[in-house]
Amino acid sequence: MDTLAASGVPVAGARGLGYQMTAPVTLPPLNLTLTELEALHLGMAVVGEAEDADLREAARALSKKIDAVLPEDRSAAPRGWGFAIYPFADAAAGFRHMPAIRAAIRARQKLRITVAGEDGTRVIRPLALEYWGRVWTVTLWCERDADFRAIRVDRIDALAVLPALFVEEQGKTLIDYRQRQEPAPGQRPY
């Protein structure tokens, strides 16, 4: 029992009296891919909207635990999975578009999207999906604006896959976007 306790297993008790695990489940550290994190986020969204109050509360508690261990390496990102930041129902609305966006990024296929609160549609070149703590964004080159954009996936009202493919062009690639986001040498990021 001493060996178990020394290795981090939460046990309490004494010889002759008995031992008890003080935490119901302890998981080892996990490394998740963005797709696995997406699946976890979707599952949390479903449970977070459940009619069962115990499951809703469990989803909220699990959300706080996940938030506590997510890396904080994106200085401009909204923080955490917390329910108060973006309700799961809103964030989950974008999940219907995730498979098409992922496939379009891999195939370099153009998409036509309509974004909530904006007039008209835009034809885009999707470049990357990024996760910002319960919010997913698609980094893209917008042909209408002739510029880069990062749009929250849950704000996309409609999406159509176009037959047109795109090739990488100088000034319109993910590398170009990331270089534009980096501070100039000697300049501090704000």
Protein backbone atom coordinates (compact mmCIF):
# COMPACT_ATOMS: atom_id res chain seq x y z
CA MET A 1 0.00 0.00 0.00
CA ASP A 2 2.91 2.33 0.69
CA THR A 3 4.18 1.71 -2.84
CA LEU A 4 0.77 2.59 -4.30
CA ALA A 5 0.54 5.76 -2.25
CA ALA A 6 4.12 6.74 -3.19
CA SER A 7 3.28 6.30 -6.89
CA GLY A 8 0.40 8.75 -6.65
CA VAL A 9 -2.56 6.42 -6.19
CA PRO A 10 -4.94 8.19 -3.78
CA VAL A 11 -5.25 5.66 -0.92
CA ALA A 12 -5.82 6.24 2.76
CA GLY A 13 -5.94 3.87 5.70
CA ALA A 14 -3.79 1.77 7.96
CA ARG A 15 -2.66 -1.83 8.27
CA GLY A 16 -5.22 -3.87 10.17
CA LEU A 17 -7.96 -1.24 9.69
CA GLY A 18 -8.23 -1.28 5.93
CA TYR A 19 -7.52 0.97 2.99
CA GLN A 20 -9.73 3.11 0.83
CA MET A 21 -9.19 4.90 -2.48
CA THR A 22 -9.85 8.58 -1.84
CA ALA A 23 -10.50 9.51 -5.47
CA PRO A 24 -12.82 7.43 -7.65
CA VAL A 25 -10.68 7.50 -10.83
CA THR A 26 -7.23 8.80 -11.59
CA LEU A 27 -6.16 8.98 -15.23
CA PRO A 28 -2.60 9.16 -16.47
CA PRO A 29 -1.59 12.19 -18.54
CA LEU A 30 -3.14 12.15 -22.01
CA ASN A 31 -1.88 13.60 -25.27
CA LEU A 32 -4.77 14.41 -27.59
CA THR A 33 -4.81 15.23 -31.27
CA LEU A 34 -6.95 18.15 -32.38
CA THR A 35 -9.46 15.64 -33.79
CA GLU A 36 -9.64 13.81 -30.46
CA LEU A 37 -10.07 17.14 -28.70
CA GLU A 38 -12.86 17.96 -31.16
CA ALA A 39 -14.58 14.65 -30.32
CA LEU A 40 -14.24 15.35 -26.59
CA HIS A 41 -15.60 18.86 -27.08
CA LEU A 42 -18.60 17.53 -29.03
CA GLY A 43 -19.34 14.95 -26.34
CA MET A 44 -19.14 17.65 -23.67
CA ALA A 45 -21.50 19.82 -25.72
CA VAL A 46 -24.09 17.06 -25.85
CA VAL A 47 -23.84 16.20 -22.16
CA GLY A 48 -23.77 19.89 -21.21
CA GLU A 49 -27.24 20.24 -22.74
CA ALA A 50 -28.68 17.07 -21.16
CA GLU A 51 -31.95 17.11 -19.23
CA ASP A 52 -30.32 15.11 -16.44
CA ALA A 53 -29.09 17.65 -13.87
CA ASP A 54 -26.44 15.25 -12.53
CA LEU A 55 -24.96 14.77 -16.01
CA ARG A 56 -25.05 18.52 -16.70
CA GLU A 57 -23.20 19.18 -13.44
CA ALA A 58 -20.71 16.40 -14.19
CA ALA A 59 -20.07 18.00 -17.61
CA ARG A 60 -19.46 21.36 -15.93
CA ALA A 61 -17.07 19.82 -13.39
CA LEU A 62 -15.22 17.92 -16.12
CA SER A 63 -15.06 21.12 -18.15
CA LYS A 64 -13.26 22.85 -15.28
CA LYS A 65 -10.79 19.98 -14.95
CA ILE A 66 -10.02 20.01 -18.67
CA ASP A 67 -9.63 23.79 -18.60
CA ALA A 68 -7.11 23.46 -15.77
CA VAL A 69 -4.79 21.23 -17.80
CA LEU A 70 -5.05 22.74 -21.29
CA PRO A 71 -1.81 24.38 -22.40
CA GLU A 72 -1.74 28.17 -22.24
CA ASP A 73 0.54 28.65 -25.23
CA ARG A 74 -1.77 30.88 -27.31
CA SER A 75 -1.50 34.38 -25.91
CA ALA A 76 -4.39 35.81 -27.95
CA ALA A 77 -6.80 32.96 -27.36
CA PRO A 78 -9.91 33.12 -25.22
CA ARG A 79 -9.34 31.14 -22.03
CA GLY A 80 -10.73 27.79 -21.24
CA TRP A 81 -13.66 25.52 -21.70
CA GLY A 82 -15.66 27.29 -19.01
CA PHE A 83 -19.41 27.28 -19.57
CA ALA A 84 -19.69 31.01 -18.99
CA ILE A 85 -17.37 31.92 -21.89
CA TYR A 86 -19.21 30.32 -24.79
CA PRO A 87 -22.24 28.13 -24.14
CA PHE A 88 -21.71 24.59 -25.42
CA ALA A 89 -24.88 24.81 -27.52
CA ASP A 90 -23.42 27.71 -29.50
CA ALA A 91 -20.01 26.11 -29.92
CA ALA A 92 -21.57 22.78 -30.89
CA ALA A 93 -23.48 24.44 -33.73
CA GLY A 94 -20.27 24.63 -35.73
CA PHE A 95 -19.48 20.94 -35.46
CA ARG A 96 -21.73 20.13 -38.39
CA HIS A 97 -19.24 21.98 -40.63
CA MET A 98 -16.03 20.49 -39.22
CA PRO A 99 -15.81 17.38 -41.45
CA ALA A 100 -16.30 19.43 -44.63
CA ILE A 101 -13.75 22.03 -43.54
CA ARG A 102 -11.17 19.38 -42.61
CA ALA A 103 -11.69 17.60 -45.95
CA ALA A 104 -11.43 20.90 -47.85
CA ILE A 105 -8.15 21.77 -46.11
CA ARG A 106 -6.68 18.40 -47.05
CA ALA A 107 -7.94 18.56 -50.66
CA ARG A 108 -7.28 22.32 -51.04
CA GLN A 109 -10.88 22.78 -52.07
CA LYS A 110 -12.69 26.10 -52.04
CA LEU A 111 -15.78 26.62 -49.91
CA ARG A 112 -18.67 29.08 -50.07
CA ILE A 113 -19.77 30.19 -46.61
CA THR A 114 -22.36 32.45 -45.06
CA VAL A 115 -21.39 33.93 -41.70
CA ALA A 116 -23.93 34.95 -39.06
CA GLY A 117 -24.44 38.70 -38.92
CA GLU A 118 -22.84 39.34 -42.32
CA ASP A 119 -24.50 40.08 -45.65
CA GLY A 120 -23.83 37.80 -48.58
CA THR A 121 -21.51 34.88 -48.99
CA ARG A 122 -17.79 34.56 -49.31
CA VAL A 123 -15.65 32.09 -51.24
CA ILE A 124 -12.75 30.97 -49.12
CA ARG A 125 -9.60 28.92 -49.22
CA PRO A 126 -9.56 27.12 -45.84
CA LEU A 127 -6.01 26.87 -44.51
CA ALA A 128 -6.22 25.56 -40.93
CA LEU A 129 -8.58 24.73 -38.09
CA GLU A 130 -7.50 25.98 -34.70
CA TYR A 131 -8.82 25.32 -31.24
CA TRP A 132 -9.06 28.18 -28.74
CA GLY A 133 -10.57 26.61 -25.65
CA ARG A 134 -14.10 25.58 -26.62
CA VAL A 135 -14.05 27.73 -29.75
CA TRP A 136 -12.82 26.49 -33.11
CA THR A 137 -11.77 28.90 -35.83
CA VAL A 138 -10.96 28.36 -39.46
CA THR A 139 -8.03 30.38 -40.75
CA LEU A 140 -8.67 31.20 -44.38
CA TRP A 141 -7.94 33.34 -47.39
CA CYS A 142 -11.12 35.20 -48.35
CA GLU A 143 -11.45 35.85 -52.06
CA ARG A 144 -14.11 38.52 -51.52
CA ASP A 145 -11.93 40.57 -49.15
CA ALA A 146 -8.61 39.52 -50.73
CA ASP A 147 -7.22 39.00 -47.26
CA PHE A 148 -6.77 36.49 -44.45
CA ARG A 149 -9.51 35.91 -41.89
CA ALA A 150 -10.00 33.73 -38.84
CA ILE A 151 -13.69 32.95 -38.47
CA ARG A 152 -15.32 31.09 -35.60
CA VAL A 153 -16.74 27.86 -37.01
CA ASP A 154 -19.89 28.18 -34.89
CA ARG A 155 -20.65 31.49 -36.67
CA ILE A 156 -20.87 29.76 -40.07
CA ASP A 157 -24.57 29.52 -40.97
CA ALA A 158 -24.16 27.77 -44.32
CA LEU A 159 -21.31 26.01 -46.07
CA ALA A 160 -21.06 24.57 -49.58
CA VAL A 161 -18.11 22.65 -50.98
CA LEU A 162 -17.20 24.03 -54.40
CA PRO A 163 -15.72 21.96 -57.22
CA ALA A 164 -12.87 24.46 -57.57
CA LEU A 165 -9.50 23.55 -56.07
CA PHE A 166 -6.82 26.04 -55.17
CA VAL A 167 -3.05 25.96 -55.41
CA GLU A 168 -0.78 27.73 -52.99
CA GLU A 169 0.01 31.23 -54.17
CA GLN A 170 2.57 33.52 -52.65
CA GLY A 171 0.92 35.80 -50.10
CA LYS A 172 -2.11 33.51 -49.61
CA THR A 173 -0.65 30.58 -47.67
CA LEU A 174 -0.84 29.60 -44.03
CA ILE A 175 2.87 30.41 -43.71
CA ASP A 176 2.18 33.93 -45.04
CA TYR A 177 -0.64 34.33 -42.52
CA ARG A 178 1.51 33.21 -39.61
CA GLN A 179 4.41 35.43 -40.65
CA ARG A 180 2.03 38.39 -40.75
CA GLN A 181 0.93 37.58 -37.17
CA GLU A 182 4.47 37.49 -35.77
CA PRO A 183 5.96 40.69 -34.35
CA ALA A 184 8.79 42.30 -36.26
CA PRO A 185 12.31 41.55 -34.97
CA GLY A 186 12.94 43.59 -31.84
CA GLN A 187 9.25 44.40 -31.42
CA ARG A 188 7.37 43.03 -28.41
CA PRO A 189 4.11 41.21 -28.92
CA TYR A 190 1.23 42.99 -27.23
